[in-house]
Amino acid sequence: MEEKQIQEFVHRACNDESLRTELSHDFDGVMVKEGFSSRVASVLKRLTPQLLAHEGAAERQGLAWWTI
């Protein structure tokens, strides 16, 4: 269940610029809004720098395996 939540969120974040912007400004607020457990939020917190590192989805191909 948690793996699926992480996978779906990473996929959305890779394709949604407004979500990435919101993550960069209020990570904790996004986690609360999404209803993620502290364990899932901890994993996503470690992934967030990669999600925010580049502007386009093509540049984030290193995370493409998450979206399969």
Protein backbone atom coordinates (compact mmCIF):
# COMPACT_ATOMS: atom_id res chain seq x y z
CA MET A 1 0.00 0.00 0.00
CA GLU A 2 2.71 2.49 0.98
CA GLU A 3 4.79 1.64 -2.09
CA LYS A 4 1.78 2.32 -4.31
CA GLN A 5 1.16 5.69 -2.60
CA ILE A 6 4.80 6.68 -3.12
CA GLN A 7 4.80 5.54 -6.73
CA GLU A 8 1.60 7.40 -7.58
CA PHE A 9 2.74 10.58 -5.84
CA VAL A 10 6.13 10.57 -7.59
CA HIS A 11 4.37 10.06 -10.92
CA ARG A 12 2.05 13.01 -10.22
CA ALA A 13 4.92 15.21 -9.04
CA CYS A 14 6.94 14.41 -12.15
CA ASN A 15 4.10 15.59 -14.35
CA ASP A 16 2.54 18.43 -12.34
CA GLU A 17 4.52 21.66 -12.10
CA SER A 18 2.08 23.20 -9.62
CA LEU A 19 2.53 20.23 -7.26
CA ARG A 20 6.33 20.60 -7.48
CA THR A 21 6.00 24.30 -6.70
CA GLU A 22 3.78 23.54 -3.72
CA LEU A 23 6.28 20.92 -2.51
CA SER A 24 9.12 23.42 -2.67
CA HIS A 25 7.17 25.97 -0.61
CA ASP A 26 5.26 23.79 1.85
CA PHE A 27 6.36 20.16 1.92
CA ASP A 28 4.69 19.41 5.27
CA GLY A 29 1.42 20.97 4.14
CA VAL A 30 1.36 18.81 1.03
CA MET A 31 1.99 15.69 3.11
CA VAL A 32 -0.89 16.57 5.44
CA LYS A 33 -3.20 17.42 2.53
CA GLU A 34 -2.39 14.10 0.85
CA GLY A 35 -2.96 12.22 4.12
CA PHE A 36 0.36 10.38 4.03
CA SER A 37 1.69 8.53 7.04
CA SER A 38 4.90 9.78 8.62
CA ARG A 39 6.70 6.81 7.09
CA VAL A 40 5.58 7.67 3.55
CA ALA A 41 6.33 11.36 4.14
CA SER A 42 9.84 10.44 5.28
CA VAL A 43 10.51 8.56 2.03
CA LEU A 44 9.06 11.36 -0.08
CA LYS A 45 11.13 13.95 1.79
CA ARG A 46 14.27 12.12 0.64
CA LEU A 47 12.99 12.03 -2.96
CA THR A 48 11.85 15.66 -3.12
CA PRO A 49 15.26 17.14 -4.06
CA GLN A 50 15.33 14.91 -7.17
CA LEU A 51 11.75 15.83 -8.02
CA LEU A 52 12.58 19.53 -7.80
CA ALA A 53 16.03 19.37 -9.40
CA HIS A 54 14.92 19.93 -13.00
CA GLU A 55 12.07 21.72 -14.67
CA GLY A 56 10.81 19.23 -17.27
CA ALA A 57 9.72 15.61 -17.00
CA ALA A 58 12.28 14.59 -19.61
CA GLU A 59 15.10 15.78 -17.37
CA ARG A 60 13.80 13.63 -14.51
CA GLN A 61 14.23 10.39 -16.41
CA GLY A 62 16.24 9.02 -13.50
CA LEU A 63 12.90 8.66 -11.69
CA ALA A 64 11.11 7.13 -14.68
CA TRP A 65 11.24 3.67 -13.17
CA TRP A 66 8.91 4.93 -10.41
CA THR A 67 6.20 5.65 -12.94
CA ILE A 68 6.06 2.22 -14.57
